[in-house]
């Protein structure tokens, strides 16, 4: 079985699924590789799909305006959502029961993220703040103040730092414990920032912008390492789990696949018919999901570029996440 597991690691999602469904050995050596769940935010609702069968499992309802972001907790038991109704909400993943409403923002809440331990949540808002919350009780712990709207936020993989992206063309790196600014990434982007993320090895930071670029920064000293140039604005950016690939979601209806080290464009996925808003990798990195203003979300095989599943909604699909 161990040899087969190594062989399967080089297979596409289509091949893994066929192997898993047609043989006992396949079920044994691919255990967990296509399991999990997929979150999609569209309109005022968030939908939870089985990541293997693509069947709808739950629908999270309770927001009174567009849901801007949705994320699984690290243990997969909870979901956090943010909305233009000025709140974030925490849900039970299995029952879709609302557990907490995080109230305090004075404008649209644009993004949200769990800490690696799952005990904290960070939210980003048009009210020029990012806020840290205690998941267990919903208490606001810290306020991170900006001079402009905050469109993106992310915890570092070790939970010690928080990254925020603002329309003032800057990204701020904060100490998660003290809420003190460690340094500011500035002087490179020429338009508002739309998204930010850490690499999984803590060493790099990625930011995307309306200036048609995605930029890679050194997470230790804040120096610029590379610039990924696009044809139009970028809505989101993320590293693969092994940090070798970057995917970006673009205004030109494309999902772009980049080599994270060289910064070269490797592939382009083109099936959406409107702006691609968000994208994310599966836990094993073999698939990715993209959401679009064309009211669809699509699951792609990263190796072949084939669309494995397509979800149709009545509203623009704004956010997505794979369970870990």
C-alpha atoms as a PDB file:
ATOM      1  CA  UNK A   1       0.000   0.000   0.000  1.00  0.00           C
ATOM      2  CA  UNK A   2       2.820   2.459   0.746  1.00  0.00           C
ATOM      3  CA  UNK A   3       4.190   2.095  -2.785  1.00  0.00           C
ATOM      4  CA  UNK A   4       0.725   2.678  -4.199  1.00  0.00           C
ATOM      5  CA  UNK A   5       0.310   5.802  -2.062  1.00  0.00           C
ATOM      6  CA  UNK A   6       3.448   7.213  -3.641  1.00  0.00           C
ATOM      7  CA  UNK A   7       2.174   6.338  -7.111  1.00  0.00           C
ATOM      8  CA  UNK A   8      -1.205   7.956  -6.401  1.00  0.00           C
ATOM      9  CA  UNK A   9       0.517  11.174  -5.353  1.00  0.00           C
ATOM     10  CA  UNK A  10       1.415  11.712  -9.030  1.00  0.00           C
ATOM     11  CA  UNK A  11      -2.132  11.072 -10.293  1.00  0.00           C
ATOM     12  CA  UNK A  12      -4.745  13.646 -11.253  1.00  0.00           C
ATOM     13  CA  UNK A  13      -7.970  14.024  -9.278  1.00  0.00           C
ATOM     14  CA  UNK A  14      -9.888  12.200 -12.021  1.00  0.00           C
ATOM     15  CA  UNK A  15      -7.514   9.237 -11.825  1.00  0.00           C
ATOM     16  CA  UNK A  16      -7.597   9.160  -8.017  1.00  0.00           C
ATOM     17  CA  UNK A  17     -11.402   9.210  -8.009  1.00  0.00           C
ATOM     18  CA  UNK A  18     -11.597   6.367 -10.575  1.00  0.00           C
ATOM     19  CA  UNK A  19      -9.083   4.273  -8.594  1.00  0.00           C
ATOM     20  CA  UNK A  20     -10.949   4.959  -5.362  1.00  0.00           C
ATOM     21  CA  UNK A  21     -14.363   4.016  -6.764  1.00  0.00           C
ATOM     22  CA  UNK A  22     -13.349   0.874  -8.668  1.00  0.00           C
ATOM     23  CA  UNK A  23     -11.133  -1.116  -6.335  1.00  0.00           C
ATOM     24  CA  UNK A  24     -10.637  -2.083  -2.722  1.00  0.00           C
ATOM     25  CA  UNK A  25      -6.938  -1.197  -2.947  1.00  0.00           C
ATOM     26  CA  UNK A  26      -7.909   2.186  -4.364  1.00  0.00           C
ATOM     27  CA  UNK A  27     -10.167   2.920  -1.407  1.00  0.00           C
ATOM     28  CA  UNK A  28      -7.376   1.905   0.951  1.00  0.00           C
ATOM     29  CA  UNK A  29      -4.491   3.914  -0.511  1.00  0.00           C
ATOM     30  CA  UNK A  30      -6.525   7.029  -1.390  1.00  0.00           C
ATOM     31  CA  UNK A  31      -8.224   7.290   1.993  1.00  0.00           C
ATOM     32  CA  UNK A  32      -8.748  10.966   2.775  1.00  0.00           C
ATOM     33  CA  UNK A  33      -7.383  12.302  -0.505  1.00  0.00           C
ATOM     34  CA  UNK A  34     -10.719  13.370  -1.949  1.00  0.00           C
ATOM     35  CA  UNK A  35     -12.698  13.560   1.273  1.00  0.00           C
ATOM     36  CA  UNK A  36     -13.658  16.755   3.019  1.00  0.00           C
ATOM     37  CA  UNK A  37     -16.028  19.585   2.256  1.00  0.00           C
ATOM     38  CA  UNK A  38     -16.248  22.699   0.086  1.00  0.00           C
ATOM     39  CA  UNK A  39     -17.764  25.993   1.206  1.00  0.00           C
ATOM     40  CA  UNK A  40     -19.241  28.426  -1.312  1.00  0.00           C
ATOM     41  CA  UNK A  41     -20.681  31.839  -0.420  1.00  0.00           C
ATOM     42  CA  UNK A  42     -23.284  33.197  -2.844  1.00  0.00           C
ATOM     43  CA  UNK A  43     -25.731  35.972  -2.029  1.00  0.00           C
ATOM     44  CA  UNK A  44     -26.770  35.906   1.625  1.00  0.00           C
ATOM     45  CA  UNK A  45     -26.144  32.166   2.005  1.00  0.00           C
ATOM     46  CA  UNK A  46     -23.206  29.796   2.343  1.00  0.00           C
ATOM     47  CA  UNK A  47     -23.401  26.291   0.899  1.00  0.00           C
ATOM     48  CA  UNK A  48     -21.456  23.281   2.143  1.00  0.00           C
ATOM     49  CA  UNK A  49     -20.762  20.522  -0.407  1.00  0.00           C
ATOM     50  CA  UNK A  50     -19.196  17.086  -0.096  1.00  0.00           C
ATOM     51  CA  UNK A  51     -15.763  17.351  -1.728  1.00  0.00           C
ATOM     52  CA  UNK A  52     -15.974  13.879  -3.295  1.00  0.00           C
ATOM     53  CA  UNK A  53     -19.581  13.535  -4.448  1.00  0.00           C
ATOM     54  CA  UNK A  54     -20.232  17.309  -4.733  1.00  0.00           C
ATOM     55  CA  UNK A  55     -23.610  16.830  -3.060  1.00  0.00           C
ATOM     56  CA  UNK A  56     -25.049  19.687  -1.003  1.00  0.00           C
ATOM     57  CA  UNK A  57     -24.716  18.918   2.713  1.00  0.00           C
ATOM     58  CA  UNK A  58     -25.839  22.077   4.502  1.00  0.00           C
ATOM     59  CA  UNK A  59     -26.923  25.638   3.857  1.00  0.00           C
ATOM     60  CA  UNK A  60     -25.946  28.358   6.313  1.00  0.00           C
ATOM     61  CA  UNK A  61     -28.633  31.061   6.472  1.00  0.00           C
ATOM     62  CA  UNK A  62     -28.825  34.076   8.755  1.00  0.00           C
ATOM     63  CA  UNK A  63     -27.008  36.988   7.178  1.00  0.00           C
ATOM     64  CA  UNK A  64     -29.153  39.875   5.932  1.00  0.00           C
ATOM     65  CA  UNK A  65     -26.785  41.048   3.194  1.00  0.00           C
ATOM     66  CA  UNK A  66     -24.163  39.600   0.829  1.00  0.00           C
ATOM     67  CA  UNK A  67     -21.692  37.140   2.381  1.00  0.00           C
ATOM     68  CA  UNK A  68     -18.192  38.283   1.496  1.00  0.00           C
ATOM     69  CA  UNK A  69     -16.050  35.491   2.938  1.00  0.00           C
ATOM     70  CA  UNK A  70     -16.350  31.992   4.407  1.00  0.00           C
ATOM     71  CA  UNK A  71     -13.749  29.818   6.127  1.00  0.00           C
ATOM     72  CA  UNK A  72     -13.586  26.432   7.851  1.00  0.00           C
ATOM     73  CA  UNK A  73     -12.005  26.215  11.280  1.00  0.00           C
ATOM     74  CA  UNK A  74      -8.746  24.208  11.364  1.00  0.00           C
ATOM     75  CA  UNK A  75     -10.531  21.196  12.890  1.00  0.00           C
ATOM     76  CA  UNK A  76     -13.383  21.416  10.383  1.00  0.00           C
ATOM     77  CA  UNK A  77     -16.029  21.625  13.088  1.00  0.00           C
ATOM     78  CA  UNK A  78     -16.931  25.288  12.686  1.00  0.00           C
ATOM     79  CA  UNK A  79     -17.397  27.848   9.931  1.00  0.00           C
ATOM     80  CA  UNK A  80     -16.898  31.612  10.067  1.00  0.00           C
ATOM     81  CA  UNK A  81     -18.618  33.948   7.615  1.00  0.00           C
ATOM     82  CA  UNK A  82     -18.407  37.702   7.070  1.00  0.00           C
ATOM     83  CA  UNK A  83     -21.023  39.876   5.431  1.00  0.00           C
ATOM     84  CA  UNK A  84     -21.969  43.280   4.151  1.00  0.00           C
ATOM     85  CA  UNK A  85     -24.557  43.299   6.965  1.00  0.00           C
ATOM     86  CA  UNK A  86     -21.625  44.480   9.179  1.00  0.00           C
ATOM     87  CA  UNK A  87     -21.364  41.195  11.099  1.00  0.00           C
ATOM     88  CA  UNK A  88     -19.416  37.972  11.125  1.00  0.00           C
ATOM     89  CA  UNK A  89     -21.012  34.729  12.256  1.00  0.00           C
ATOM     90  CA  UNK A  90     -19.711  31.415  13.586  1.00  0.00           C
ATOM     91  CA  UNK A  91     -21.630  28.243  12.750  1.00  0.00           C
ATOM     92  CA  UNK A  92     -21.604  24.564  13.615  1.00  0.00           C
ATOM     93  CA  UNK A  93     -20.318  22.893  10.454  1.00  0.00           C
ATOM     94  CA  UNK A  94     -22.327  19.693  10.828  1.00  0.00           C
ATOM     95  CA  UNK A  95     -25.726  21.112  11.794  1.00  0.00           C
ATOM     96  CA  UNK A  96     -25.480  24.597  10.204  1.00  0.00           C
ATOM     97  CA  UNK A  97     -26.641  25.984  13.551  1.00  0.00           C
ATOM     98  CA  UNK A  98     -25.659  29.575  14.269  1.00  0.00           C
ATOM     99  CA  UNK A  99     -23.388  29.641  17.324  1.00  0.00           C
ATOM    100  CA  UNK A 100     -22.333  33.300  17.575  1.00  0.00           C
ATOM    101  CA  UNK A 101     -22.755  36.650  15.869  1.00  0.00           C
ATOM    102  CA  UNK A 102     -19.736  38.935  16.036  1.00  0.00           C
ATOM    103  CA  UNK A 103     -21.125  42.483  16.153  1.00  0.00           C
ATOM    104  CA  UNK A 104     -19.135  45.691  16.403  1.00  0.00           C
ATOM    105  CA  UNK A 105     -18.015  46.663  12.919  1.00  0.00           C
ATOM    106  CA  UNK A 106     -19.576  49.869  11.583  1.00  0.00           C
ATOM    107  CA  UNK A 107     -19.466  48.982   7.864  1.00  0.00           C
ATOM    108  CA  UNK A 108     -19.217  46.031   5.460  1.00  0.00           C
ATOM    109  CA  UNK A 109     -17.106  43.152   6.763  1.00  0.00           C
ATOM    110  CA  UNK A 110     -14.931  42.108   3.828  1.00  0.00           C
ATOM    111  CA  UNK A 111     -12.919  39.131   5.089  1.00  0.00           C
ATOM    112  CA  UNK A 112     -12.427  36.716   7.976  1.00  0.00           C
ATOM    113  CA  UNK A 113      -9.998  34.030   9.091  1.00  0.00           C
ATOM    114  CA  UNK A 114      -9.526  31.535  11.926  1.00  0.00           C
ATOM    115  CA  UNK A 115      -6.305  31.344  13.892  1.00  0.00           C
ATOM    116  CA  UNK A 116      -4.415  28.036  13.463  1.00  0.00           C
ATOM    117  CA  UNK A 117      -5.632  26.840  16.869  1.00  0.00           C
ATOM    118  CA  UNK A 118      -9.196  27.863  16.048  1.00  0.00           C
ATOM    119  CA  UNK A 119      -9.631  29.864  19.238  1.00  0.00           C
ATOM    120  CA  UNK A 120      -9.552  33.291  17.550  1.00  0.00           C
ATOM    121  CA  UNK A 121     -11.065  34.923  14.478  1.00  0.00           C
ATOM    122  CA  UNK A 122      -9.878  38.046  12.672  1.00  0.00           C
ATOM    123  CA  UNK A 123     -12.235  40.175  10.551  1.00  0.00           C
ATOM    124  CA  UNK A 124     -11.553  43.026   8.114  1.00  0.00           C
ATOM    125  CA  UNK A 125     -13.970  45.851   7.400  1.00  0.00           C
ATOM    126  CA  UNK A 126     -14.715  49.017   5.470  1.00  0.00           C
ATOM    127  CA  UNK A 127     -14.841  50.778   8.848  1.00  0.00           C
ATOM    128  CA  UNK A 128     -11.021  51.023   8.614  1.00  0.00           C
ATOM    129  CA  UNK A 129     -10.404  48.331  11.203  1.00  0.00           C
ATOM    130  CA  UNK A 130      -9.566  44.675  11.530  1.00  0.00           C
ATOM    131  CA  UNK A 131     -10.776  43.061  14.738  1.00  0.00           C
ATOM    132  CA  UNK A 132      -9.711  40.000  16.721  1.00  0.00           C
ATOM    133  CA  UNK A 133     -12.439  37.961  18.415  1.00  0.00           C
ATOM    134  CA  UNK A 134     -12.525  35.092  20.911  1.00  0.00           C
ATOM    135  CA  UNK A 135     -14.382  32.227  19.256  1.00  0.00           C
ATOM    136  CA  UNK A 136     -15.714  30.636  22.441  1.00  0.00           C
ATOM    137  CA  UNK A 137     -17.640  33.679  23.654  1.00  0.00           C
ATOM    138  CA  UNK A 138     -17.625  36.176  20.779  1.00  0.00           C
ATOM    139  CA  UNK A 139     -15.773  38.846  22.782  1.00  0.00           C
ATOM    140  CA  UNK A 140     -13.828  41.417  20.786  1.00  0.00           C
ATOM    141  CA  UNK A 141     -10.212  41.150  21.920  1.00  0.00           C
ATOM    142  CA  UNK A 142      -8.263  43.726  19.868  1.00  0.00           C
ATOM    143  CA  UNK A 143      -8.861  46.416  17.224  1.00  0.00           C
ATOM    144  CA  UNK A 144      -6.279  46.951  14.468  1.00  0.00           C
ATOM    145  CA  UNK A 145      -6.775  50.462  13.095  1.00  0.00           C
ATOM    146  CA  UNK A 146      -6.089  51.608   9.519  1.00  0.00           C
ATOM    147  CA  UNK A 147      -6.589  54.873   7.672  1.00  0.00           C
ATOM    148  CA  UNK A 148      -8.680  53.255   4.930  1.00  0.00           C
ATOM    149  CA  UNK A 149     -10.924  50.242   4.274  1.00  0.00           C
ATOM    150  CA  UNK A 150      -9.464  46.824   5.046  1.00  0.00           C
ATOM    151  CA  UNK A 151     -10.207  44.250   2.335  1.00  0.00           C
ATOM    152  CA  UNK A 152      -8.113  41.285   3.493  1.00  0.00           C
ATOM    153  CA  UNK A 153      -6.866  39.592   6.652  1.00  0.00           C
ATOM    154  CA  UNK A 154      -4.997  36.397   7.522  1.00  0.00           C
ATOM    155  CA  UNK A 155      -3.353  34.719  10.497  1.00  0.00           C
ATOM    156  CA  UNK A 156       0.202  33.469  10.078  1.00  0.00           C
ATOM    157  CA  UNK A 157       0.568  29.655  10.142  1.00  0.00           C
ATOM    158  CA  UNK A 158       1.925  29.785  13.719  1.00  0.00           C
ATOM    159  CA  UNK A 159      -0.800  32.191  14.844  1.00  0.00           C
ATOM    160  CA  UNK A 160       1.643  34.782  16.148  1.00  0.00           C
ATOM    161  CA  UNK A 161       1.073  37.392  13.468  1.00  0.00           C
ATOM    162  CA  UNK A 162      -1.814  38.883  11.513  1.00  0.00           C
ATOM    163  CA  UNK A 163      -1.627  40.311   8.021  1.00  0.00           C
ATOM    164  CA  UNK A 164      -4.088  42.922   6.750  1.00  0.00           C
ATOM    165  CA  UNK A 165      -4.538  44.439   3.277  1.00  0.00           C
ATOM    166  CA  UNK A 166      -6.001  47.911   2.831  1.00  0.00           C
ATOM    167  CA  UNK A 167      -7.294  50.208   0.121  1.00  0.00           C
ATOM    168  CA  UNK A 168      -4.539  52.648   1.145  1.00  0.00           C
ATOM    169  CA  UNK A 169      -2.195  50.498  -1.030  1.00  0.00           C
ATOM    170  CA  UNK A 170      -0.463  49.042   2.044  1.00  0.00           C
ATOM    171  CA  UNK A 171      -0.375  45.752   3.927  1.00  0.00           C
ATOM    172  CA  UNK A 172       0.256  45.747   7.665  1.00  0.00           C
ATOM    173  CA  UNK A 173       1.895  42.988   9.683  1.00  0.00           C
ATOM    174  CA  UNK A 174       0.743  42.889  13.310  1.00  0.00           C
ATOM    175  CA  UNK A 175       1.627  41.010  16.472  1.00  0.00           C
ATOM    176  CA  UNK A 176      -1.496  38.933  17.169  1.00  0.00           C
ATOM    177  CA  UNK A 177      -0.949  39.095  20.930  1.00  0.00           C
ATOM    178  CA  UNK A 178      -0.253  42.808  21.419  1.00  0.00           C
ATOM    179  CA  UNK A 179      -1.860  44.261  18.242  1.00  0.00           C
ATOM    180  CA  UNK A 180       1.328  46.242  17.614  1.00  0.00           C
ATOM    181  CA  UNK A 181       2.483  46.882  14.042  1.00  0.00           C
ATOM    182  CA  UNK A 182       5.667  44.977  13.199  1.00  0.00           C
ATOM    183  CA  UNK A 183       6.139  46.520   9.766  1.00  0.00           C
ATOM    184  CA  UNK A 184       4.226  47.890   6.777  1.00  0.00           C
ATOM    185  CA  UNK A 185       4.515  46.646   3.195  1.00  0.00           C
ATOM    186  CA  UNK A 186       4.309  49.807   1.113  1.00  0.00           C
ATOM    187  CA  UNK A 187       5.736  51.766  -1.787  1.00  0.00           C
ATOM    188  CA  UNK A 188       5.126  49.118  -4.470  1.00  0.00           C
ATOM    189  CA  UNK A 189       1.395  48.733  -5.092  1.00  0.00           C
ATOM    190  CA  UNK A 190      -0.153  51.727  -6.848  1.00  0.00           C
ATOM    191  CA  UNK A 191      -3.836  50.891  -6.248  1.00  0.00           C
ATOM    192  CA  UNK A 192      -5.967  49.421  -3.472  1.00  0.00           C
ATOM    193  CA  UNK A 193      -5.053  45.976  -2.121  1.00  0.00           C
ATOM    194  CA  UNK A 194      -7.679  43.261  -2.409  1.00  0.00           C
ATOM    195  CA  UNK A 195      -6.188  40.229  -0.647  1.00  0.00           C
ATOM    196  CA  UNK A 196      -3.244  38.988   1.421  1.00  0.00           C
ATOM    197  CA  UNK A 197      -1.916  35.637   2.600  1.00  0.00           C
ATOM    198  CA  UNK A 198       1.082  33.916   4.175  1.00  0.00           C
ATOM    199  CA  UNK A 199       3.019  31.019   2.735  1.00  0.00           C
ATOM    200  CA  UNK A 200       2.684  27.862   4.827  1.00  0.00           C
ATOM    201  CA  UNK A 201       6.371  27.914   5.793  1.00  0.00           C
ATOM    202  CA  UNK A 202       5.987  31.435   7.285  1.00  0.00           C
ATOM    203  CA  UNK A 203       8.700  32.837   5.017  1.00  0.00           C
ATOM    204  CA  UNK A 204       6.700  34.751   2.414  1.00  0.00           C
ATOM    205  CA  UNK A 205       3.710  37.058   2.132  1.00  0.00           C
ATOM    206  CA  UNK A 206       1.564  37.572  -0.948  1.00  0.00           C
ATOM    207  CA  UNK A 207      -0.636  40.585  -1.771  1.00  0.00           C
ATOM    208  CA  UNK A 208      -2.936  41.310  -4.702  1.00  0.00           C
ATOM    209  CA  UNK A 209      -4.204  44.637  -5.972  1.00  0.00           C
ATOM    210  CA  UNK A 210      -6.308  46.597  -8.418  1.00  0.00           C
ATOM    211  CA  UNK A 211      -2.984  47.704  -9.953  1.00  0.00           C
ATOM    212  CA  UNK A 212      -2.887  44.450 -11.980  1.00  0.00           C
ATOM    213  CA  UNK A 213      -0.118  42.908  -9.881  1.00  0.00           C
ATOM    214  CA  UNK A 214       0.390  40.295  -7.230  1.00  0.00           C
ATOM    215  CA  UNK A 215       3.511  40.828  -5.138  1.00  0.00           C
ATOM    216  CA  UNK A 216       5.587  38.385  -3.109  1.00  0.00           C
ATOM    217  CA  UNK A 217       7.342  39.728  -0.003  1.00  0.00           C
ATOM    218  CA  UNK A 218       9.850  38.449   2.521  1.00  0.00           C
ATOM    219  CA  UNK A 219       7.834  37.838   5.694  1.00  0.00           C
ATOM    220  CA  UNK A 220      10.866  38.458   7.920  1.00  0.00           C
ATOM    221  CA  UNK A 221      11.990  41.900   6.792  1.00  0.00           C
ATOM    222  CA  UNK A 222       9.251  43.021   4.373  1.00  0.00           C
ATOM    223  CA  UNK A 223      11.444  43.286   1.271  1.00  0.00           C
ATOM    224  CA  UNK A 224       9.841  42.743  -2.126  1.00  0.00           C
ATOM    225  CA  UNK A 225      10.887  39.456  -3.747  1.00  0.00           C
ATOM    226  CA  UNK A 226       8.852  39.242  -6.947  1.00  0.00           C
ATOM    227  CA  UNK A 227       5.992  40.770  -8.915  1.00  0.00           C
ATOM    228  CA  UNK A 228       3.420  38.755 -10.871  1.00  0.00           C
ATOM    229  CA  UNK A 229       2.026  40.953 -13.639  1.00  0.00           C
ATOM    230  CA  UNK A 230      -1.533  40.441 -14.867  1.00  0.00           C
ATOM    231  CA  UNK A 231      -3.657  41.985 -17.605  1.00  0.00           C
ATOM    232  CA  UNK A 232      -6.285  43.302 -15.206  1.00  0.00           C
ATOM    233  CA  UNK A 233      -7.016  43.634 -11.481  1.00  0.00           C
ATOM    234  CA  UNK A 234      -6.645  40.671  -9.121  1.00  0.00           C
ATOM    235  CA  UNK A 235      -9.296  39.805  -6.562  1.00  0.00           C
ATOM    236  CA  UNK A 236      -7.500  37.116  -4.558  1.00  0.00           C
ATOM    237  CA  UNK A 237      -4.226  35.203  -4.227  1.00  0.00           C
ATOM    238  CA  UNK A 238      -3.090  32.133  -2.304  1.00  0.00           C
ATOM    239  CA  UNK A 239      -0.144  29.746  -1.948  1.00  0.00           C
ATOM    240  CA  UNK A 240      -0.512  25.996  -2.467  1.00  0.00           C
ATOM    241  CA  UNK A 241      -0.011  23.800   0.593  1.00  0.00           C
ATOM    242  CA  UNK A 242       3.594  23.047  -0.399  1.00  0.00           C
ATOM    243  CA  UNK A 243       4.215  26.739  -1.267  1.00  0.00           C
ATOM    244  CA  UNK A 244       5.384  25.841  -4.786  1.00  0.00           C
ATOM    245  CA  UNK A 245       2.386  27.306  -6.610  1.00  0.00           C
ATOM    246  CA  UNK A 246       0.394  30.531  -6.407  1.00  0.00           C
ATOM    247  CA  UNK A 247      -3.097  30.916  -7.829  1.00  0.00           C
ATOM    248  CA  UNK A 248      -4.710  34.260  -8.538  1.00  0.00           C
ATOM    249  CA  UNK A 249      -8.331  35.139  -9.313  1.00  0.00           C
ATOM    250  CA  UNK A 250      -8.625  37.897 -11.877  1.00  0.00           C
ATOM    251  CA  UNK A 251     -10.959  40.513 -13.320  1.00  0.00           C
ATOM    252  CA  UNK A 252     -10.248  39.167 -16.813  1.00  0.00           C
ATOM    253  CA  UNK A 253     -12.274  36.013 -15.971  1.00  0.00           C
ATOM    254  CA  UNK A 254      -9.163  33.877 -15.588  1.00  0.00           C
ATOM    255  CA  UNK A 255      -7.573  31.779 -12.871  1.00  0.00           C
ATOM    256  CA  UNK A 256      -3.797  32.038 -13.210  1.00  0.00           C
ATOM    257  CA  UNK A 257      -1.333  29.394 -11.992  1.00  0.00           C
ATOM    258  CA  UNK A 258       2.178  30.673 -11.128  1.00  0.00           C
ATOM    259  CA  UNK A 259       5.471  29.147 -10.084  1.00  0.00           C
ATOM    260  CA  UNK A 260       5.943  30.634  -6.620  1.00  0.00           C
ATOM    261  CA  UNK A 261       9.753  30.644  -6.799  1.00  0.00           C
ATOM    262  CA  UNK A 262      10.402  31.945 -10.298  1.00  0.00           C
ATOM    263  CA  UNK A 263       7.214  33.981 -10.680  1.00  0.00           C
ATOM    264  CA  UNK A 264       6.556  32.518 -14.136  1.00  0.00           C
ATOM    265  CA  UNK A 265       3.010  31.980 -15.368  1.00  0.00           C
ATOM    266  CA  UNK A 266       2.484  28.236 -15.814  1.00  0.00           C
ATOM    267  CA  UNK A 267      -1.143  27.825 -16.814  1.00  0.00           C
ATOM    268  CA  UNK A 268      -4.393  29.728 -17.253  1.00  0.00           C
ATOM    269  CA  UNK A 269      -7.827  28.268 -16.501  1.00  0.00           C
ATOM    270  CA  UNK A 270     -10.579  29.951 -18.528  1.00  0.00           C
ATOM    271  CA  UNK A 271     -14.172  28.823 -18.126  1.00  0.00           C
ATOM    272  CA  UNK A 272     -15.749  31.656 -16.159  1.00  0.00           C
ATOM    273  CA  UNK A 273     -17.707  34.324 -18.022  1.00  0.00           C
ATOM    274  CA  UNK A 274     -17.284  37.148 -15.510  1.00  0.00           C
ATOM    275  CA  UNK A 275     -14.869  38.388 -12.839  1.00  0.00           C
ATOM    276  CA  UNK A 276     -13.296  35.595 -10.765  1.00  0.00           C
ATOM    277  CA  UNK A 277     -13.655  36.675  -7.159  1.00  0.00           C
ATOM    278  CA  UNK A 278     -11.905  34.014  -5.107  1.00  0.00           C
ATOM    279  CA  UNK A 279      -9.911  30.782  -5.348  1.00  0.00           C
ATOM    280  CA  UNK A 280      -8.476  28.168  -2.992  1.00  0.00           C
ATOM    281  CA  UNK A 281      -6.635  24.832  -2.979  1.00  0.00           C
ATOM    282  CA  UNK A 282      -7.857  21.478  -1.719  1.00  0.00           C
ATOM    283  CA  UNK A 283      -6.096  19.985   1.314  1.00  0.00           C
ATOM    284  CA  UNK A 284      -3.865  17.778  -0.856  1.00  0.00           C
ATOM    285  CA  UNK A 285      -3.370  20.446  -3.517  1.00  0.00           C
ATOM    286  CA  UNK A 286      -4.689  18.351  -6.407  1.00  0.00           C
ATOM    287  CA  UNK A 287      -7.772  20.508  -6.954  1.00  0.00           C
ATOM    288  CA  UNK A 288      -8.764  24.124  -6.675  1.00  0.00           C
ATOM    289  CA  UNK A 289     -12.069  25.955  -6.436  1.00  0.00           C
ATOM    290  CA  UNK A 290     -12.898  29.316  -7.985  1.00  0.00           C
ATOM    291  CA  UNK A 291     -15.922  31.558  -7.468  1.00  0.00           C
ATOM    292  CA  UNK A 292     -17.159  34.140  -9.925  1.00  0.00           C
ATOM    293  CA  UNK A 293     -19.569  36.953 -10.595  1.00  0.00           C
ATOM    294  CA  UNK A 294     -20.998  34.678 -13.314  1.00  0.00           C
ATOM    295  CA  UNK A 295     -22.907  33.007 -10.440  1.00  0.00           C
ATOM    296  CA  UNK A 296     -20.906  29.804 -10.560  1.00  0.00           C
ATOM    297  CA  UNK A 297     -18.222  28.051  -8.575  1.00  0.00           C
ATOM    298  CA  UNK A 298     -15.978  25.572 -10.371  1.00  0.00           C
ATOM    299  CA  UNK A 299     -13.777  22.747  -9.118  1.00  0.00           C
ATOM    300  CA  UNK A 300     -10.664  22.213 -11.245  1.00  0.00           C
ATOM    301  CA  UNK A 301      -8.139  19.423 -11.554  1.00  0.00           C
ATOM    302  CA  UNK A 302      -4.857  21.279 -11.112  1.00  0.00           C
ATOM    303  CA  UNK A 303      -2.868  18.799 -13.203  1.00  0.00           C
ATOM    304  CA  UNK A 304      -5.169  18.513 -16.217  1.00  0.00           C
ATOM    305  CA  UNK A 305      -7.060  21.811 -16.041  1.00  0.00           C
ATOM    306  CA  UNK A 306     -10.363  19.956 -16.392  1.00  0.00           C
ATOM    307  CA  UNK A 307     -13.489  21.232 -14.642  1.00  0.00           C
ATOM    308  CA  UNK A 308     -14.546  18.431 -12.287  1.00  0.00           C
ATOM    309  CA  UNK A 309     -17.690  20.098 -10.977  1.00  0.00           C
ATOM    310  CA  UNK A 310     -19.673  23.267 -11.525  1.00  0.00           C
ATOM    311  CA  UNK A 311     -22.107  24.771  -9.029  1.00  0.00           C
ATOM    312  CA  UNK A 312     -24.747  27.223 -10.253  1.00  0.00           C
ATOM    313  CA  UNK A 313     -26.277  29.858  -7.960  1.00  0.00           C
ATOM    314  CA  UNK A 314     -28.870  32.618  -8.144  1.00  0.00           C
ATOM    315  CA  UNK A 315     -26.322  35.220  -7.020  1.00  0.00           C
ATOM    316  CA  UNK A 316     -22.680  36.041  -7.577  1.00  0.00           C
ATOM    317  CA  UNK A 317     -20.390  33.482  -5.928  1.00  0.00           C
ATOM    318  CA  UNK A 318     -18.043  35.511  -3.710  1.00  0.00           C
ATOM    319  CA  UNK A 319     -15.956  33.149  -1.574  1.00  0.00           C
ATOM    320  CA  UNK A 320     -14.829  29.532  -1.234  1.00  0.00           C
ATOM    321  CA  UNK A 321     -12.867  27.236   1.065  1.00  0.00           C
ATOM    322  CA  UNK A 322     -11.824  23.587   1.269  1.00  0.00           C
ATOM    323  CA  UNK A 323     -11.837  21.858   4.643  1.00  0.00           C
ATOM    324  CA  UNK A 324      -8.318  21.053   5.870  1.00  0.00           C
END
